Amino acid sequence: AIVYSISETAKLNDLNPYSYFKYLLEEMPRYMDEKGNIQTSNLEALLPWSERLPAKCHKPGL
């Protein structure tokens, strides 16, 4: 259900779900501390509506 929710939210924000998931999986390790806990201070940059997402996450032509 979580994956489906993220995928549908990505679509609603004109993102390519595959590219967005790939980006999330590549970036999430950078948001973890030495104990493996996620640091929530900058997670806004990973949200599907963030303006800081790279162009590769967006659907072509947008």
Protein backbone atom coordinates (compact mmCIF):
# COMPACT_ATOMS: atom_id res chain seq x y z
CA ALA A 1 0.00 0.00 0.00
CA ILE A 2 2.87 2.39 0.75
CA VAL A 3 4.56 1.81 -2.61
CA TYR A 4 1.24 2.26 -4.41
CA SER A 5 0.58 5.49 -2.54
CA ILE A 6 4.01 6.89 -3.40
CA SER A 7 3.58 5.86 -7.03
CA GLU A 8 0.17 7.51 -7.37
CA THR A 9 1.38 10.68 -5.64
CA ALA A 10 4.32 10.80 -8.05
CA LYS A 11 1.92 10.53 -10.99
CA LEU A 12 -0.26 13.31 -9.59
CA ASN A 13 2.84 15.51 -9.45
CA ASP A 14 3.79 14.78 -13.08
CA LEU A 15 6.71 12.54 -12.16
CA ASN A 16 7.80 9.33 -13.82
CA PRO A 17 7.22 6.82 -10.96
CA TYR A 18 10.12 4.56 -11.98
CA SER A 19 12.59 7.46 -12.16
CA TYR A 20 11.28 8.89 -8.89
CA PHE A 21 11.63 5.57 -7.03
CA LYS A 22 15.13 5.11 -8.44
CA TYR A 23 16.06 8.60 -7.28
CA LEU A 24 14.61 7.96 -3.80
CA LEU A 25 16.53 4.70 -3.43
CA GLU A 26 19.75 6.40 -4.50
CA GLU A 27 19.28 9.43 -2.25
CA MET A 28 17.85 7.92 0.94
CA PRO A 29 21.23 6.62 2.20
CA ARG A 30 22.49 10.22 2.25
CA TYR A 31 19.75 11.09 4.74
CA MET A 32 20.75 8.42 7.26
CA ASP A 33 22.97 8.84 10.27
CA GLU A 34 25.65 6.41 11.42
CA LYS A 35 23.04 4.25 13.21
CA GLY A 36 20.88 3.91 10.09
CA ASN A 37 18.16 6.29 11.29
CA ILE A 38 16.68 8.70 8.78
CA GLN A 39 17.42 12.37 9.48
CA THR A 40 14.15 14.16 8.83
CA SER A 41 15.56 17.68 8.68
CA ASN A 42 15.92 17.78 4.88
CA LEU A 43 13.42 15.19 3.70
CA GLU A 44 11.27 17.90 2.10
CA ALA A 45 13.70 17.81 -0.85
CA LEU A 46 12.58 14.23 -1.61
CA LEU A 47 8.84 14.82 -1.59
CA PRO A 48 7.09 14.43 -4.95
CA TRP A 49 6.07 18.10 -5.04
CA SER A 50 9.53 19.41 -4.22
CA GLU A 51 10.95 21.88 -6.70
CA ARG A 52 14.41 20.49 -5.93
CA LEU A 53 13.81 17.13 -7.62
CA PRO A 54 16.06 16.60 -10.64
CA ALA A 55 14.65 16.81 -14.16
CA LYS A 56 15.20 13.07 -14.62
CA CYS A 57 12.29 12.44 -12.23
CA HIS A 58 9.82 14.45 -14.29
CA LYS A 59 7.81 13.12 -17.20
CA PRO A 60 9.32 14.11 -20.57
CA GLY A 61 8.14 17.42 -21.92
CA LEU A 62 7.43 19.04 -18.55
